[in-house]
Amino acid sequence: MEKANDILLDSNNDLQVVAGDFVVGESLLQEVGIILQMSQGELKSDPFIGANLTTMVRGVQNNEKIKRHIETQMELDDKNYDEIKDFLKTNIR
């Protein structure tokens, strides 16, 4: 998978600015995090992207179903789930 470079966000999803300039760097995990935080329909350019995790967790809590849903979301954005799955942690009780 090609490395993605973009403007970086901090832990509060605010733009990172150093000396008046935006911080640019490798952004793959940041992009994954944004997709996981979004609900479908929030992104006008691609209304199918958005993991709806809040809704899923409030419903039937099935780790395998959530994993498959996340994998599908990554594929919609041309990301390889197998390359990022080790960075994701599912904590469903």
PDB file of N, CA and C in Angstrom:
ATOM      1  N   MET A   1       0.848  -1.173   0.000  1.00  0.00           N
ATOM      2  CA  MET A   1       0.000   0.000   0.000  1.00  0.00           C
ATOM      3  C   MET A   1       0.896   1.240   0.000  1.00  0.00           C
ATOM      4  N   GLU A   2       0.530   2.180  -0.822  1.00  0.00           N
ATOM      5  CA  GLU A   2       1.283   3.412  -0.930  1.00  0.00           C
ATOM      6  C   GLU A   2       1.091   4.263   0.321  1.00  0.00           C
ATOM      7  N   LYS A   3       2.171   4.854   0.799  1.00  0.00           N
ATOM      8  CA  LYS A   3       2.090   5.727   1.972  1.00  0.00           C
ATOM      9  C   LYS A   3       1.286   6.974   1.623  1.00  0.00           C
ATOM     10  N   ALA A   4       0.386   7.343   2.513  1.00  0.00           N
ATOM     11  CA  ALA A   4      -0.445   8.521   2.311  1.00  0.00           C
ATOM     12  C   ALA A   4       0.112   9.670   3.135  1.00  0.00           C
ATOM     13  N   ASN A   5       0.340  10.805   2.502  1.00  0.00           N
ATOM     14  CA  ASN A   5       0.773  12.005   3.200  1.00  0.00           C
ATOM     15  C   ASN A   5      -0.327  13.039   3.105  1.00  0.00           C
ATOM     16  N   ASP A   6      -0.585  13.688   4.232  1.00  0.00           N
ATOM     17  CA  ASP A   6      -1.645  14.683   4.268  1.00  0.00           C
ATOM     18  C   ASP A   6      -1.390  15.605   5.458  1.00  0.00           C
ATOM     19  N   ILE A   7      -2.227  16.602   5.597  1.00  0.00           N
ATOM     20  CA  ILE A   7      -2.162  17.478   6.765  1.00  0.00           C
ATOM     21  C   ILE A   7      -2.563  16.638   7.973  1.00  0.00           C
ATOM     22  N   LEU A   8      -1.812  16.742   9.062  1.00  0.00           N
ATOM     23  CA  LEU A   8      -2.050  15.918  10.238  1.00  0.00           C
ATOM     24  C   LEU A   8      -2.929  16.630  11.257  1.00  0.00           C
ATOM     25  N   LEU A   9      -3.657  15.819  11.993  1.00  0.00           N
ATOM     26  CA  LEU A   9      -4.511  16.301  13.072  1.00  0.00           C
ATOM     27  C   LEU A   9      -3.919  15.875  14.405  1.00  0.00           C
ATOM     28  N   ASP A  10      -4.263  16.608  15.474  1.00  0.00           N
ATOM     29  CA  ASP A  10      -3.806  16.212  16.802  1.00  0.00           C
ATOM     30  C   ASP A  10      -4.824  15.255  17.428  1.00  0.00           C
ATOM     31  N   SER A  11      -4.633  14.923  18.678  1.00  0.00           N
ATOM     32  CA  SER A  11      -5.502  13.949  19.342  1.00  0.00           C
ATOM     33  C   SER A  11      -6.942  14.445  19.515  1.00  0.00           C
ATOM     34  N   ASN A  12      -7.171  15.738  19.346  1.00  0.00           N
ATOM     35  CA  ASN A  12      -8.520  16.307  19.411  1.00  0.00           C
ATOM     36  C   ASN A  12      -9.118  16.536  18.025  1.00  0.00           C
ATOM     37  N   ASN A  13      -8.461  16.008  16.994  1.00  0.00           N
ATOM     38  CA  ASN A  13      -8.866  16.181  15.597  1.00  0.00           C
ATOM     39  C   ASN A  13      -8.805  17.638  15.143  1.00  0.00           C
ATOM     40  N   ASP A  14      -7.948  18.417  15.781  1.00  0.00           N
ATOM     41  CA  ASP A  14      -7.682  19.784  15.335  1.00  0.00           C
ATOM     42  C   ASP A  14      -6.437  19.758  14.456  1.00  0.00           C
ATOM     43  N   LEU A  15      -6.335  20.729  13.543  1.00  0.00           N
ATOM     44  CA  LEU A  15      -5.152  20.796  12.687  1.00  0.00           C
ATOM     45  C   LEU A  15      -3.896  20.997  13.525  1.00  0.00           C
ATOM     46  N   GLN A  16      -2.850  20.275  13.175  1.00  0.00           N
ATOM     47  CA  GLN A  16      -1.562  20.495  13.834  1.00  0.00           C
ATOM     48  C   GLN A  16      -0.868  21.656  13.120  1.00  0.00           C
ATOM     49  N   VAL A  17      -0.460  22.665  13.880  1.00  0.00           N
ATOM     50  CA  VAL A  17       0.219  23.832  13.329  1.00  0.00           C
ATOM     51  C   VAL A  17       1.495  24.052  14.121  1.00  0.00           C
ATOM     52  N   VAL A  18       2.614  24.172  13.407  1.00  0.00           N
ATOM     53  CA  VAL A  18       3.904  24.456  14.035  1.00  0.00           C
ATOM     54  C   VAL A  18       4.504  25.657  13.320  1.00  0.00           C
ATOM     55  N   ALA A  19       4.842  26.663  14.065  1.00  0.00           N
ATOM     56  CA  ALA A  19       5.429  27.894  13.534  1.00  0.00           C
ATOM     57  C   ALA A  19       4.566  28.472  12.408  1.00  0.00           C
ATOM     58  N   GLY A  20       3.258  28.397  12.570  1.00  0.00           N
ATOM     59  CA  GLY A  20       2.343  28.973  11.604  1.00  0.00           C
ATOM     60  C   GLY A  20       2.079  28.129  10.373  1.00  0.00           C
ATOM     61  N   ASP A  21       2.670  26.939  10.300  1.00  0.00           N
ATOM     62  CA  ASP A  21       2.472  26.060   9.139  1.00  0.00           C
ATOM     63  C   ASP A  21       1.775  24.773   9.549  1.00  0.00           C
ATOM     64  N   PHE A  22       0.982  24.230   8.642  1.00  0.00           N
ATOM     65  CA  PHE A  22       0.361  22.937   8.875  1.00  0.00           C
ATOM     66  C   PHE A  22       1.428  21.860   8.903  1.00  0.00           C
ATOM     67  N   VAL A  23       1.240  20.888   9.762  1.00  0.00           N
ATOM     68  CA  VAL A  23       2.150  19.745   9.823  1.00  0.00           C
ATOM     69  C   VAL A  23       1.657  18.715   8.811  1.00  0.00           C
ATOM     70  N   VAL A  24       2.566  18.254   7.944  1.00  0.00           N
ATOM     71  CA  VAL A  24       2.242  17.258   6.928  1.00  0.00           C
ATOM     72  C   VAL A  24       3.039  16.002   7.225  1.00  0.00           C
ATOM     73  N   GLY A  25       2.405  14.848   7.081  1.00  0.00           N
ATOM     74  CA  GLY A  25       3.120  13.604   7.326  1.00  0.00           C
ATOM     75  C   GLY A  25       2.284  12.405   6.934  1.00  0.00           C
ATOM     76  N   GLU A  26       2.781  11.227   7.264  1.00  0.00           N
ATOM     77  CA  GLU A  26       2.118   9.966   6.939  1.00  0.00           C
ATOM     78  C   GLU A  26       0.777   9.920   7.658  1.00  0.00           C
ATOM     79  N   SER A  27      -0.298   9.702   6.904  1.00  0.00           N
ATOM     80  CA  SER A  27      -1.634   9.890   7.460  1.00  0.00           C
ATOM     81  C   SER A  27      -2.544   8.669   7.358  1.00  0.00           C
ATOM     82  N   LEU A  28      -2.016   7.499   7.033  1.00  0.00           N
ATOM     83  CA  LEU A  28      -2.864   6.324   6.845  1.00  0.00           C
ATOM     84  C   LEU A  28      -3.709   6.027   8.078  1.00  0.00           C
ATOM     85  N   LEU A  29      -3.081   5.917   9.240  1.00  0.00           N
ATOM     86  CA  LEU A  29      -3.835   5.594  10.451  1.00  0.00           C
ATOM     87  C   LEU A  29      -4.797   6.718  10.840  1.00  0.00           C
ATOM     88  N   GLN A  30      -4.432   7.944  10.543  1.00  0.00           N
ATOM     89  CA  GLN A  30      -5.332   9.070  10.795  1.00  0.00           C
ATOM     90  C   GLN A  30      -6.585   8.932   9.928  1.00  0.00           C
ATOM     91  N   GLU A  31      -6.397   8.584   8.658  1.00  0.00           N
ATOM     92  CA  GLU A  31      -7.526   8.413   7.760  1.00  0.00           C
ATOM     93  C   GLU A  31      -8.425   7.267   8.229  1.00  0.00           C
ATOM     94  N   VAL A  32      -7.811   6.173   8.670  1.00  0.00           N
ATOM     95  CA  VAL A  32      -8.574   5.035   9.189  1.00  0.00           C
ATOM     96  C   VAL A  32      -9.385   5.471  10.405  1.00  0.00           C
ATOM     97  N   GLY A  33      -8.753   6.215  11.306  1.00  0.00           N
ATOM     98  CA  GLY A  33      -9.443   6.699  12.502  1.00  0.00           C
ATOM     99  C   GLY A  33     -10.632   7.573  12.170  1.00  0.00           C
ATOM    100  N   ILE A  34     -10.484   8.420  11.177  1.00  0.00           N
ATOM    101  CA  ILE A  34     -11.586   9.294  10.779  1.00  0.00           C
ATOM    102  C   ILE A  34     -12.747   8.468  10.230  1.00  0.00           C
ATOM    103  N   ILE A  35     -12.436   7.479   9.394  1.00  0.00           N
ATOM    104  CA  ILE A  35     -13.494   6.616   8.850  1.00  0.00           C
ATOM    105  C   ILE A  35     -14.215   5.893   9.975  1.00  0.00           C
ATOM    106  N   LEU A  36     -13.472   5.413  10.958  1.00  0.00           N
ATOM    107  CA  LEU A  36     -14.082   4.684  12.067  1.00  0.00           C
ATOM    108  C   LEU A  36     -14.940   5.590  12.944  1.00  0.00           C
ATOM    109  N   GLN A  37     -14.622   6.871  12.998  1.00  0.00           N
ATOM    110  CA  GLN A  37     -15.392   7.814  13.810  1.00  0.00           C
ATOM    111  C   GLN A  37     -16.643   8.326  13.093  1.00  0.00           C
ATOM    112  N   MET A  38     -16.647   8.259  11.772  1.00  0.00           N
ATOM    113  CA  MET A  38     -17.756   8.816  10.994  1.00  0.00           C
ATOM    114  C   MET A  38     -18.948   7.869  10.939  1.00  0.00           C
ATOM    115  N   SER A  39     -20.096   8.454  10.670  1.00  0.00           N
ATOM    116  CA  SER A  39     -21.300   7.693  10.352  1.00  0.00           C
ATOM    117  C   SER A  39     -21.537   7.815   8.855  1.00  0.00           C
ATOM    118  N   GLN A  40     -22.162   6.808   8.273  1.00  0.00           N
ATOM    119  CA  GLN A  40     -22.457   6.874   6.846  1.00  0.00           C
ATOM    120  C   GLN A  40     -23.305   8.094   6.554  1.00  0.00           C
ATOM    121  N   GLY A  41     -22.969   8.766   5.460  1.00  0.00           N
ATOM    122  CA  GLY A  41     -23.706   9.950   5.056  1.00  0.00           C
ATOM    123  C   GLY A  41     -23.032  11.248   5.449  1.00  0.00           C
ATOM    124  N   GLU A  42     -22.052  11.203   6.335  1.00  0.00           N
ATOM    125  CA  GLU A  42     -21.370  12.437   6.758  1.00  0.00           C
ATOM    126  C   GLU A  42     -20.461  12.994   5.666  1.00  0.00           C
ATOM    127  N   LEU A  43     -19.931  12.144   4.820  1.00  0.00           N
ATOM    128  CA  LEU A  43     -19.011  12.568   3.767  1.00  0.00           C
ATOM    129  C   LEU A  43     -19.795  12.670   2.465  1.00  0.00           C
ATOM    130  N   LYS A  44     -20.037  13.900   2.020  1.00  0.00           N
ATOM    131  CA  LYS A  44     -20.867  14.105   0.837  1.00  0.00           C
ATOM    132  C   LYS A  44     -20.285  13.435  -0.404  1.00  0.00           C
ATOM    133  N   SER A  45     -18.967  13.440  -0.536  1.00  0.00           N
ATOM    134  CA  SER A  45     -18.349  12.880  -1.737  1.00  0.00           C
ATOM    135  C   SER A  45     -18.456  11.357  -1.800  1.00  0.00           C
ATOM    136  N   ASP A  46     -18.669  10.701  -0.669  1.00  0.00           N
ATOM    137  CA  ASP A  46     -18.855   9.242  -0.639  1.00  0.00           C
ATOM    138  C   ASP A  46     -19.732   8.879   0.550  1.00  0.00           C
ATOM    139  N   PRO A  47     -21.051   8.945   0.375  1.00  0.00           N
ATOM    140  CA  PRO A  47     -21.965   8.749   1.503  1.00  0.00           C
ATOM    141  C   PRO A  47     -21.984   7.342   2.096  1.00  0.00           C
ATOM    142  N   PHE A  48     -21.348   6.375   1.442  1.00  0.00           N
ATOM    143  CA  PHE A  48     -21.323   5.015   1.985  1.00  0.00           C
ATOM    144  C   PHE A  48     -20.183   4.800   2.973  1.00  0.00           C
ATOM    145  N   ILE A  49     -19.195   5.719   2.984  1.00  0.00           N
ATOM    146  CA  ILE A  49     -18.070   5.580   3.906  1.00  0.00           C
ATOM    147  C   ILE A  49     -18.476   6.122   5.271  1.00  0.00           C
ATOM    148  N   GLY A  50     -18.167   5.368   6.289  1.00  0.00           N
ATOM    149  CA  GLY A  50     -18.480   5.713   7.667  1.00  0.00           C
ATOM    150  C   GLY A  50     -18.855   4.437   8.388  1.00  0.00           C
ATOM    151  N   ALA A  51     -18.168   4.126   9.455  1.00  0.00           N
ATOM    152  CA  ALA A  51     -18.317   2.815  10.087  1.00  0.00           C
ATOM    153  C   ALA A  51     -19.555   2.684  10.966  1.00  0.00           C
ATOM    154  N   ASN A  52     -20.178   3.786  11.355  1.00  0.00           N
ATOM    155  CA  ASN A  52     -21.367   3.709  12.230  1.00  0.00           C
ATOM    156  C   ASN A  52     -21.094   2.879  13.487  1.00  0.00           C
ATOM    157  N   LEU A  53     -19.901   2.948  14.018  1.00  0.00           N
ATOM    158  CA  LEU A  53     -19.546   2.089  15.150  1.00  0.00           C
ATOM    159  C   LEU A  53     -20.392   2.365  16.383  1.00  0.00           C
ATOM    160  N   THR A  54     -20.755   3.604  16.613  1.00  0.00           N
ATOM    161  CA  THR A  54     -21.580   3.926  17.779  1.00  0.00           C
ATOM    162  C   THR A  54     -22.900   3.173  17.706  1.00  0.00           C
ATOM    163  N   THR A  55     -23.516   3.185  16.550  1.00  0.00           N
ATOM    164  CA  THR A  55     -24.778   2.481  16.361  1.00  0.00           C
ATOM    165  C   THR A  55     -24.589   0.978  16.511  1.00  0.00           C
ATOM    166  N   MET A  56     -23.513   0.455  15.937  1.00  0.00           N
ATOM    167  CA  MET A  56     -23.273  -0.988  16.004  1.00  0.00           C
ATOM    168  C   MET A  56     -23.033  -1.454  17.436  1.00  0.00           C
ATOM    169  N   VAL A  57     -22.270  -0.696  18.196  1.00  0.00           N
ATOM    170  CA  VAL A  57     -21.945  -1.090  19.559  1.00  0.00           C
ATOM    171  C   VAL A  57     -23.180  -1.006  20.456  1.00  0.00           C
ATOM    172  N   ARG A  58     -24.060  -0.057  20.180  1.00  0.00           N
ATOM    173  CA  ARG A  58     -25.294   0.059  20.968  1.00  0.00           C
ATOM    174  C   ARG A  58     -26.259  -1.083  20.670  1.00  0.00           C
ATOM    175  N   GLY A  59     -26.103  -1.707  19.497  1.00  0.00           N
ATOM    176  CA  GLY A  59     -26.978  -2.812  19.111  1.00  0.00           C
ATOM    177  C   GLY A  59     -26.375  -4.137  19.567  1.00  0.00           C
ATOM    178  N   VAL A  60     -26.529  -5.148  18.753  1.00  0.00           N
ATOM    179  CA  VAL A  60     -25.991  -6.471  19.052  1.00  0.00           C
ATOM    180  C   VAL A  60     -24.468  -6.392  19.001  1.00  0.00           C
ATOM    181  N   GLN A  61     -23.827  -6.809  20.058  1.00  0.00           N
ATOM    182  CA  GLN A  61     -22.374  -6.691  20.154  1.00  0.00           C
ATOM    183  C   GLN A  61     -21.729  -8.002  19.719  1.00  0.00           C
ATOM    184  N   ASN A  62     -21.273  -8.014  18.484  1.00  0.00           N
ATOM    185  CA  ASN A  62     -20.684  -9.198  17.897  1.00  0.00           C
ATOM    186  C   ASN A  62     -19.358  -8.803  17.272  1.00  0.00           C
ATOM    187  N   ASN A  63     -18.256  -9.219  17.880  1.00  0.00           N
ATOM    188  CA  ASN A  63     -16.929  -8.832  17.397  1.00  0.00           C
ATOM    189  C   ASN A  63     -16.715  -9.181  15.930  1.00  0.00           C
ATOM    190  N   GLU A  64     -17.144 -10.356  15.518  1.00  0.00           N
ATOM    191  CA  GLU A  64     -16.917 -10.790  14.131  1.00  0.00           C
ATOM    192  C   GLU A  64     -17.687  -9.911  13.148  1.00  0.00           C
ATOM    193  N   LYS A  65     -18.909  -9.566  13.489  1.00  0.00           N
ATOM    194  CA  LYS A  65     -19.708  -8.690  12.626  1.00  0.00           C
ATOM    195  C   LYS A  65     -19.068  -7.302  12.528  1.00  0.00           C
ATOM    196  N   ILE A  66     -18.610  -6.777  13.639  1.00  0.00           N
ATOM    197  CA  ILE A  66     -17.955  -5.458  13.644  1.00  0.00           C
ATOM    198  C   ILE A  66     -16.671  -5.514  12.829  1.00  0.00           C
ATOM    199  N   LYS A  67     -15.892  -6.579  12.986  1.00  0.00           N
ATOM    200  CA  LYS A  67     -14.640  -6.734  12.225  1.00  0.00           C
ATOM    201  C   LYS A  67     -14.930  -6.739  10.723  1.00  0.00           C
ATOM    202  N   ARG A  68     -15.928  -7.517  10.296  1.00  0.00           N
ATOM    203  CA  ARG A  68     -16.272  -7.575   8.867  1.00  0.00           C
ATOM    204  C   ARG A  68     -16.741  -6.206   8.366  1.00  0.00           C
ATOM    205  N   HIS A  69     -17.474  -5.490   9.199  1.00  0.00           N
ATOM    206  CA  HIS A  69     -17.956  -4.164   8.800  1.00  0.00           C
ATOM    207  C   HIS A  69     -16.782  -3.197   8.640  1.00  0.00           C
ATOM    208  N   ILE A  70     -15.844  -3.221   9.563  1.00  0.00           N
ATOM    209  CA  ILE A  70     -14.663  -2.357   9.469  1.00  0.00           C
ATOM    210  C   ILE A  70     -13.854  -2.715   8.224  1.00  0.00           C
ATOM    211  N   GLU A  71     -13.703  -4.013   7.969  1.00  0.00           N
ATOM    212  CA  GLU A  71     -12.973  -4.452   6.784  1.00  0.00           C
ATOM    213  C   GLU A  71     -13.629  -3.917   5.512  1.00  0.00           C
ATOM    214  N   THR A  72     -14.944  -3.960   5.446  1.00  0.00           N
ATOM    215  CA  THR A  72     -15.676  -3.436   4.287  1.00  0.00           C
ATOM    216  C   THR A  72     -15.451  -1.936   4.139  1.00  0.00           C
ATOM    217  N   GLN A  73     -15.480  -1.214   5.261  1.00  0.00           N
ATOM    218  CA  GLN A  73     -15.254   0.232   5.208  1.00  0.00           C
ATOM    219  C   GLN A  73     -13.858   0.566   4.691  1.00  0.00           C
ATOM    220  N   MET A  74     -12.866  -0.211   5.086  1.00  0.00           N
ATOM    221  CA  MET A  74     -11.504   0.023   4.613  1.00  0.00           C
ATOM    222  C   MET A  74     -11.410  -0.238   3.112  1.00  0.00           C
ATOM    223  N   GLU A  75     -12.076  -1.272   2.635  1.00  0.00           N
ATOM    224  CA  GLU A  75     -12.081  -1.576   1.206  1.00  0.00           C
ATOM    225  C   GLU A  75     -12.744  -0.459   0.406  1.00  0.00           C
ATOM    226  N   LEU A  76     -13.813   0.137   0.943  1.00  0.00           N
ATOM    227  CA  LEU A  76     -14.481   1.243   0.253  1.00  0.00           C
ATOM    228  C   LEU A  76     -13.545   2.424   0.040  1.00  0.00           C
ATOM    229  N   ASP A  77     -12.564   2.573   0.923  1.00  0.00           N
ATOM    230  CA  ASP A  77     -11.609   3.675   0.807  1.00  0.00           C
ATOM    231  C   ASP A  77     -10.258   3.185   0.269  1.00  0.00           C
ATOM    232  N   ASP A  78     -10.245   2.027  -0.385  1.00  0.00           N
ATOM    233  CA  ASP A  78      -9.031   1.463  -0.989  1.00  0.00           C
ATOM    234  C   ASP A  78      -7.901   1.259   0.009  1.00  0.00           C
ATOM    235  N   LYS A  79      -8.249   0.862   1.221  1.00  0.00           N
ATOM    236  CA  LYS A  79      -7.240   0.556   2.233  1.00  0.00           C
ATOM    237  C   LYS A  79      -7.229  -0.954   2.449  1.00  0.00           C
ATOM    238  N   ASN A  80      -6.055  -1.499   2.690  1.00  0.00           N
ATOM    239  CA  ASN A  80      -5.902  -2.935   2.896  1.00  0.00           C
ATOM    240  C   ASN A  80      -6.051  -3.240   4.384  1.00  0.00           C
ATOM    241  N   TYR A  81      -7.147  -3.868   4.740  1.00  0.00           N
ATOM    242  CA  TYR A  81      -7.431  -4.177   6.141  1.00  0.00           C
ATOM    243  C   TYR A  81      -6.312  -4.996   6.775  1.00  0.00           C
ATOM    244  N   ASP A  82      -5.766  -5.960   6.031  1.00  0.00           N
ATOM    245  CA  ASP A  82      -4.720  -6.827   6.578  1.00  0.00           C
ATOM    246  C   ASP A  82      -3.481  -6.040   6.998  1.00  0.00           C
ATOM    247  N   GLU A  83      -3.218  -4.905   6.343  1.00  0.00           N
ATOM    248  CA  GLU A  83      -2.056  -4.086   6.681  1.00  0.00           C
ATOM    249  C   GLU A  83      -2.277  -3.225   7.924  1.00  0.00           C
ATOM    250  N   ILE A  84      -3.531  -2.986   8.286  1.00  0.00           N
ATOM    251  CA  ILE A  84      -3.792  -2.095   9.423  1.00  0.00           C
ATOM    252  C   ILE A  84      -4.443  -2.788  10.612  1.00  0.00           C
ATOM    253  N   LYS A  85      -4.873  -4.033  10.433  1.00  0.00           N
ATOM    254  CA  LYS A  85      -5.638  -4.705  11.487  1.00  0.00           C
ATOM    255  C   LYS A  85      -4.880  -4.813  12.806  1.00  0.00           C
ATOM    256  N   ASP A  86      -3.551  -4.891  12.760  1.00  0.00           N
ATOM    257  CA  ASP A  86      -2.772  -4.996  13.993  1.00  0.00           C
ATOM    258  C   ASP A  86      -2.789  -3.702  14.800  1.00  0.00           C
ATOM    259  N   PHE A  87      -3.155  -2.592  14.159  1.00  0.00           N
ATOM    260  CA  PHE A  87      -3.221  -1.297  14.840  1.00  0.00           C
ATOM    261  C   PHE A  87      -4.593  -1.061  15.469  1.00  0.00           C
ATOM    262  N   LEU A  88      -5.562  -1.902  15.122  1.00  0.00           N
ATOM    263  CA  LEU A  88      -6.932  -1.745  15.620  1.00  0.00           C
ATOM    264  C   LEU A  88      -7.173  -2.699  16.777  1.00  0.00           C
ATOM    265  N   LYS A  89      -7.911  -2.255  17.740  1.00  0.00           N
ATOM    266  CA  LYS A  89      -8.247  -3.093  18.879  1.00  0.00           C
ATOM    267  C   LYS A  89      -9.749  -3.019  19.100  1.00  0.00           C
ATOM    268  N   THR A  90     -10.392  -4.176  19.113  1.00  0.00           N
ATOM    269  CA  THR A  90     -11.823  -4.234  19.351  1.00  0.00           C
ATOM    270  C   THR A  90     -12.031  -4.600  20.816  1.00  0.00           C
ATOM    271  N   ASN A  91     -12.774  -3.770  21.515  1.00  0.00           N
ATOM    272  CA  ASN A  91     -13.037  -3.968  22.936  1.00  0.00           C
ATOM    273  C   ASN A  91     -14.546  -3.999  23.168  1.00  0.00           C
ATOM    274  N   ILE A  92     -15.161  -5.127  22.919  1.00  0.00           N
ATOM    275  CA  ILE A  92     -16.598  -5.259  23.102  1.00  0.00           C
ATOM    276  C   ILE A  92     -16.841  -6.203  24.276  1.00  0.00           C
ATOM    277  N   ARG A  93     -17.700  -5.796  25.182  1.00  0.00           N
ATOM    278  CA  ARG A  93     -18.013  -6.648  26.341  1.00  0.00           C
ATOM    279  C   ARG A  93     -19.462  -7.048  26.308  1.00  0.00           C
TER     280      ARG A  93
END
